[in-house]
Amino acid sequence: MTQADETQRNRALGILLVSASAVVFGLTGVLTKSISADALTVTCWRGLVGFVLIGAYVHWRSAGIGQRPDLRLGWRGWLLAIEGAAASIAFIAAFKFTYVANVAVIYATAPFMTALLAWGLVREPFRLPTVAAAALSLTGVAIMVHAGLGSGNLIGDGLALLMTIGSALYIVMVRAFRETPVVWAGAISSLLLFVFGWFVTDPLAINGKDAILLGLFGTSFALASVLWTEGSRLIPAPESALLGAAEIPAAVLFAWFFLAEIPPAASLLGGAVVLAAVVSHGLNDWNTARRPAEVSTARATK
């Protein structure tokens, strides 16, 4: 197999893994709403299962490359873990108060929130295409939230927005703390969710159905995280971000199929606007990233 064939094979595998992670992440809303326990109990058990499985992945990954896993977080790693845990609580709680589609759509604005925070905190350039896409996506969110005023969904939409800001801040911190073992910090974040939930709620007061769903929820979270981690190693970041947009239609479709939840027209319209902004921005980044590679390939063949 030539190097070009291997590169193409790795790219195809990366596309498959990242796409699969987006679909699995799309199950989050369905699983959360299918569990009758409160949001803190859900985060508690999802945290425990996620910690065990992601921790096992970290050890497996390190053994595969013949290295001992670096489990030292330092203050930066602990800050990541705590911030990630707080964002996760808001994420799970949001599904309890609003439509799955609303949470998925608001979360889809995370790349633009990240760009804005990166510009404000670390002075990372804020490109004109990103500004345009961010304005379009915020228009879509405004359409959706305005229609939800007075409907009882505003609390859930607010929690989804808070979670999105938290996730964007997490990504900025990951970029700034380059030497921090991010995957292990994610595992510790899950463990913190379990410990917090254990002391502020009664996680043992669950029925058999919830126990099964909670185990499935934690497993799906860990699986999606691992799929994204492995897939994003094999493809450019712009392509990974573009494929991640598949989570929006997947979440809406799963909510309709498993919960018979049909969001109002304003949510669908706002979601379509946000999805258009995310996809157009992702395509622009992808094409920009491909041009230097195509030029290099053309020169090499001369």
Protein backbone atom coordinates (compact mmCIF):
# COMPACT_ATOMS: atom_id res chain seq x y z
CA MET A 1 0.00 0.00 0.00
CA THR A 2 1.39 3.38 -1.02
CA GLN A 3 1.54 6.34 1.33
CA ALA A 4 -1.21 8.07 -0.67
CA ASP A 5 -3.46 5.00 -0.30
CA GLU A 6 -2.81 4.87 3.44
CA THR A 7 -3.56 8.58 3.79
CA GLN A 8 -6.84 8.15 1.91
CA ARG A 9 -7.75 5.13 4.01
CA ASN A 10 -7.05 7.02 7.25
CA ARG A 11 -9.13 9.96 6.04
CA ALA A 12 -12.05 7.67 5.21
CA LEU A 13 -11.77 6.07 8.65
CA GLY A 14 -11.63 9.48 10.31
CA ILE A 15 -14.77 10.61 8.47
CA LEU A 16 -16.57 7.45 9.56
CA LEU A 17 -15.55 7.78 13.21
CA VAL A 18 -16.37 11.48 13.56
CA SER A 19 -19.71 11.03 11.78
CA ALA A 20 -20.53 8.11 14.08
CA SER A 21 -19.65 10.21 17.13
CA ALA A 22 -22.06 12.95 15.98
CA VAL A 23 -24.86 10.40 15.63
CA VAL A 24 -24.16 8.90 19.07
CA PHE A 25 -24.03 12.38 20.64
CA GLY A 26 -27.43 12.96 19.05
CA LEU A 27 -28.89 10.35 21.42
CA THR A 28 -28.18 12.51 24.48
CA GLY A 29 -31.52 14.30 24.46
CA VAL A 30 -33.55 11.13 23.95
CA LEU A 31 -31.77 9.29 26.75
CA THR A 32 -32.05 12.24 29.16
CA LYS A 33 -35.78 12.68 28.59
CA SER A 34 -36.40 8.94 28.77
CA ILE A 35 -34.96 8.79 32.29
CA SER A 36 -37.44 9.81 35.00
CA ALA A 37 -34.73 10.69 37.54
CA ASP A 38 -33.73 14.31 38.10
CA ALA A 39 -30.88 15.96 36.17
CA LEU A 40 -28.31 15.65 38.99
CA THR A 41 -28.97 11.92 39.34
CA VAL A 42 -28.54 11.54 35.59
CA THR A 43 -25.22 13.42 35.60
CA CYS A 44 -24.09 11.44 38.65
CA TRP A 45 -24.44 8.01 37.03
CA ARG A 46 -23.39 9.17 33.58
CA GLY A 47 -20.29 10.56 35.26
CA LEU A 48 -19.41 7.26 36.93
CA VAL A 49 -19.87 5.14 33.81
CA GLY A 50 -18.08 7.73 31.68
CA PHE A 51 -15.14 7.87 34.09
CA VAL A 52 -14.68 4.09 34.11
CA LEU A 53 -14.90 3.70 30.33
CA ILE A 54 -12.86 6.78 29.38
CA GLY A 55 -10.26 5.84 31.98
CA ALA A 56 -10.03 2.37 30.43
CA TYR A 57 -9.60 4.00 27.02
CA VAL A 58 -6.76 6.20 28.28
CA HIS A 59 -4.91 3.15 29.61
CA TRP A 60 -5.57 1.17 26.41
CA ARG A 61 -4.38 4.03 24.22
CA SER A 62 -1.19 4.47 26.23
CA ALA A 63 -0.46 0.73 26.19
CA GLY A 64 -0.93 0.69 22.42
CA ILE A 65 1.93 3.14 21.92
CA GLY A 66 4.10 1.60 24.62
CA GLN A 67 3.86 4.45 27.11
CA ARG A 68 2.57 4.81 30.62
CA PRO A 69 -0.41 7.18 30.77
CA ASP A 70 0.34 10.63 32.13
CA LEU A 71 -2.27 11.09 34.85
CA ARG A 72 -0.88 14.32 36.30
CA LEU A 73 -3.39 17.06 35.74
CA GLY A 74 -1.86 20.04 37.51
CA TRP A 75 -3.96 23.13 38.22
CA ARG A 76 -4.79 23.58 34.52
CA GLY A 77 -6.14 20.04 34.22
CA TRP A 78 -8.24 20.41 37.37
CA LEU A 79 -9.61 23.70 36.07
CA LEU A 80 -10.60 21.96 32.84
CA ALA A 81 -12.25 19.14 34.77
CA ILE A 82 -14.27 21.46 37.01
CA GLU A 83 -15.36 23.71 34.14
CA GLY A 84 -16.33 20.71 32.02
CA ALA A 85 -18.37 19.24 34.87
CA ALA A 86 -20.30 22.49 35.33
CA ALA A 87 -21.09 22.66 31.61
CA SER A 88 -22.29 19.05 31.66
CA ILE A 89 -24.76 19.73 34.47
CA ALA A 90 -26.26 22.62 32.49
CA PHE A 91 -26.35 20.41 29.38
CA ILE A 92 -28.30 17.59 31.00
CA ALA A 93 -30.65 19.94 32.85
CA ALA A 94 -31.47 21.83 29.63
CA PHE A 95 -33.08 18.74 28.10
CA LYS A 96 -35.47 18.51 31.06
CA PHE A 97 -36.92 21.97 30.35
CA THR A 98 -37.05 22.39 26.59
CA TYR A 99 -37.18 20.58 23.26
CA VAL A 100 -34.29 18.35 22.22
CA ALA A 101 -34.12 20.33 18.98
CA ASN A 102 -33.68 23.61 20.87
CA VAL A 103 -30.72 22.31 22.86
CA ALA A 104 -29.09 20.81 19.76
CA VAL A 105 -29.53 24.02 17.77
CA ILE A 106 -28.19 26.29 20.51
CA TYR A 107 -25.23 23.97 21.07
CA ALA A 108 -24.45 24.10 17.36
CA THR A 109 -23.37 27.73 17.84
CA ALA A 110 -20.45 26.56 20.00
CA PRO A 111 -17.82 27.06 17.24
CA PHE A 112 -18.80 30.72 16.95
CA MET A 113 -18.94 31.18 20.72
CA THR A 114 -15.47 29.64 20.84
CA ALA A 115 -14.15 32.04 18.20
CA LEU A 116 -15.60 35.01 20.10
CA LEU A 117 -14.14 33.90 23.44
CA ALA A 118 -10.78 33.10 21.83
CA TRP A 119 -10.69 36.61 20.40
CA GLY A 120 -11.63 38.21 23.72
CA LEU A 121 -9.41 36.10 25.99
CA VAL A 122 -6.32 35.20 23.96
CA ARG A 123 -6.63 37.67 21.06
CA GLU A 124 -7.01 34.96 18.45
CA PRO A 125 -8.01 36.60 15.12
CA PHE A 126 -11.76 36.68 14.47
CA ARG A 127 -12.10 36.14 10.71
CA LEU A 128 -14.75 37.84 8.59
CA PRO A 129 -16.40 34.55 7.41
CA THR A 130 -16.71 33.53 11.05
CA VAL A 131 -18.34 36.86 11.91
CA ALA A 132 -20.88 36.40 9.12
CA ALA A 133 -21.64 32.79 10.08
CA ALA A 134 -21.92 33.74 13.76
CA ALA A 135 -24.39 36.52 12.96
CA LEU A 136 -26.49 34.11 10.87
CA SER A 137 -26.48 31.44 13.59
CA LEU A 138 -27.46 33.93 16.28
CA THR A 139 -30.35 35.02 14.06
CA GLY A 140 -31.55 31.41 13.99
CA VAL A 141 -31.28 31.10 17.77
CA ALA A 142 -33.15 34.41 18.21
CA ILE A 143 -36.01 33.13 16.02
CA MET A 144 -36.27 30.00 18.12
CA VAL A 145 -35.96 31.65 21.55
CA HIS A 146 -38.39 34.47 20.70
CA ALA A 147 -41.04 31.94 19.76
CA GLY A 148 -40.47 30.19 23.09
CA LEU A 149 -41.14 33.27 25.24
CA GLY A 150 -43.97 32.53 27.62
CA SER A 151 -44.07 28.85 26.65
CA GLY A 152 -42.07 27.49 29.59
CA ASN A 153 -39.09 26.57 27.41
CA LEU A 154 -37.07 29.67 28.25
CA ILE A 155 -35.35 28.09 31.27
CA GLY A 156 -34.18 25.15 29.18
CA ASP A 157 -33.04 27.44 26.37
CA GLY A 158 -31.13 29.54 28.89
CA LEU A 159 -29.42 26.47 30.34
CA ALA A 160 -28.52 25.33 26.81
CA LEU A 161 -26.98 28.74 26.13
CA LEU A 162 -25.06 28.60 29.42
CA MET A 163 -23.82 25.12 28.53
CA THR A 164 -22.74 26.29 25.08
CA ILE A 165 -20.74 29.18 26.54
CA GLY A 166 -19.17 26.73 29.01
CA SER A 167 -18.25 24.32 26.22
CA ALA A 168 -16.75 27.15 24.18
CA LEU A 169 -14.68 28.24 27.16
CA TYR A 170 -13.56 24.64 27.63
CA ILE A 171 -12.29 24.50 24.03
CA VAL A 172 -10.40 27.78 24.46
CA MET A 173 -8.81 26.42 27.64
CA VAL A 174 -7.81 23.22 25.84
CA ARG A 175 -6.02 25.31 23.20
CA ALA A 176 -4.28 27.38 25.86
CA PHE A 177 -3.30 24.39 28.03
CA ARG A 178 -1.60 22.38 25.28
CA GLU A 179 0.45 20.19 27.61
CA THR A 180 -2.55 19.08 29.66
CA PRO A 181 -3.83 15.48 29.19
CA VAL A 182 -7.25 16.54 27.90
CA VAL A 183 -8.86 13.10 27.68
CA TRP A 184 -7.86 12.25 31.24
CA ALA A 185 -9.16 15.65 32.38
CA GLY A 186 -12.47 14.67 30.76
CA ALA A 187 -12.48 11.43 32.73
CA ILE A 188 -11.85 13.30 35.99
CA SER A 189 -14.63 15.71 35.03
CA SER A 190 -16.98 12.72 34.83
CA LEU A 191 -15.79 11.51 38.24
CA LEU A 192 -16.49 14.95 39.74
CA LEU A 193 -20.04 14.74 38.41
CA PHE A 194 -20.49 11.42 40.22
CA VAL A 195 -19.07 12.72 43.50
CA PHE A 196 -21.12 15.93 43.37
CA GLY A 197 -24.32 14.08 42.52
CA TRP A 198 -23.73 11.53 45.26
CA PHE A 199 -23.70 14.19 47.98
CA VAL A 200 -26.47 16.51 46.74
CA THR A 201 -29.04 13.96 45.57
CA ASP A 202 -30.05 10.35 46.19
CA PRO A 203 -28.59 8.45 43.23
CA LEU A 204 -29.70 5.06 44.60
CA ALA A 205 -33.38 6.02 44.46
CA ILE A 206 -33.84 4.90 40.87
CA ASN A 207 -35.98 2.20 39.31
CA GLY A 208 -34.75 -0.67 37.16
CA LYS A 209 -35.61 1.01 33.86
CA ASP A 210 -33.68 4.14 34.80
CA ALA A 211 -30.70 2.04 35.90
CA ILE A 212 -30.49 0.42 32.46
CA LEU A 213 -30.91 3.74 30.66
CA LEU A 214 -28.32 5.43 32.86
CA GLY A 215 -25.81 2.71 32.07
CA LEU A 216 -26.60 3.10 28.37
CA PHE A 217 -26.29 6.88 28.67
CA GLY A 218 -22.84 6.70 30.26
CA THR A 219 -21.71 4.15 27.68
CA SER A 220 -22.94 6.27 24.76
CA PHE A 221 -21.19 9.34 26.19
CA ALA A 222 -17.88 7.50 26.52
CA LEU A 223 -18.28 5.89 23.08
CA ALA A 224 -19.01 9.22 21.39
CA SER A 225 -16.01 10.82 23.12
CA VAL A 226 -13.66 8.03 22.05
CA LEU A 227 -14.98 7.98 18.48
CA TRP A 228 -14.48 11.72 18.16
CA THR A 229 -11.00 11.58 19.72
CA GLU A 230 -9.82 8.81 17.39
CA GLY A 231 -11.50 10.23 14.30
CA SER A 232 -10.30 13.80 14.77
CA ARG A 233 -6.70 12.53 14.77
CA LEU A 234 -7.11 11.38 11.17
CA ILE A 235 -8.79 14.35 9.46
CA PRO A 236 -8.28 18.13 9.45
CA ALA A 237 -10.02 20.13 12.19
CA PRO A 238 -12.30 22.00 9.72
CA GLU A 239 -13.57 18.72 8.30
CA SER A 240 -14.14 17.35 11.80
CA ALA A 241 -16.16 20.45 12.75
CA LEU A 242 -18.21 20.19 9.57
CA LEU A 243 -19.08 16.54 10.16
CA GLY A 244 -20.01 17.36 13.75
CA ALA A 245 -22.95 19.39 12.44
CA ALA A 246 -24.67 16.07 11.76
CA GLU A 247 -25.57 16.02 15.45
CA ILE A 248 -28.38 18.56 14.88
CA PRO A 249 -30.52 16.56 12.43
CA ALA A 250 -29.65 13.34 14.27
CA ALA A 251 -30.91 14.74 17.59
CA VAL A 252 -34.14 16.05 16.02
CA LEU A 253 -34.74 12.77 14.19
CA PHE A 254 -34.15 10.65 17.30
CA ALA A 255 -36.46 12.87 19.37
CA TRP A 256 -39.20 12.47 16.76
CA PHE A 257 -38.72 8.71 16.39
CA PHE A 258 -38.29 7.70 20.07
CA LEU A 259 -40.21 10.44 21.91
CA ALA A 260 -42.73 11.57 19.26
CA GLU A 261 -41.43 15.06 20.02
CA ILE A 262 -42.14 17.43 17.16
CA PRO A 263 -40.70 20.90 17.84
CA PRO A 264 -42.68 23.97 16.79
CA ALA A 265 -42.13 25.52 13.37
CA ALA A 266 -40.02 28.33 14.85
CA SER A 267 -37.57 25.79 16.30
CA LEU A 268 -37.28 24.03 12.95
CA LEU A 269 -36.80 27.33 11.12
CA GLY A 270 -34.21 28.54 13.60
CA GLY A 271 -32.48 25.18 13.43
CA ALA A 272 -32.34 25.32 9.63
CA VAL A 273 -30.75 28.79 9.80
CA VAL A 274 -28.14 27.68 12.35
CA LEU A 275 -27.38 24.48 10.42
CA ALA A 276 -26.90 26.52 7.24
CA ALA A 277 -24.47 28.81 9.07
CA VAL A 278 -22.50 25.91 10.56
CA VAL A 279 -22.29 23.96 7.30
CA SER A 280 -21.36 26.99 5.17
CA HIS A 281 -18.68 28.00 7.66
CA GLY A 282 -17.36 24.45 7.83
CA LEU A 283 -17.24 24.16 4.04
CA ASN A 284 -15.36 27.45 3.81
CA ASP A 285 -12.77 26.30 6.36
CA TRP A 286 -12.48 22.92 4.69
CA ASN A 287 -11.90 24.40 1.24
CA THR A 288 -9.36 26.84 2.67
CA ALA A 289 -7.48 24.01 4.36
CA ARG A 290 -7.50 21.87 1.20
CA ARG A 291 -5.96 24.47 -1.13
CA PRO A 292 -2.39 24.32 0.25
CA ALA A 293 -2.50 20.51 0.20
CA GLU A 294 -3.70 20.47 -3.42
CA VAL A 295 -0.98 22.92 -4.45
CA SER A 296 1.68 20.80 -2.73
CA THR A 297 0.39 17.65 -4.45
CA ALA A 298 0.38 19.35 -7.86
CA ARG A 299 3.97 20.53 -7.39
CA ALA A 300 5.08 17.08 -6.30
CA THR A 301 3.69 15.50 -9.47
CA LYS A 302 5.53 17.90 -11.80
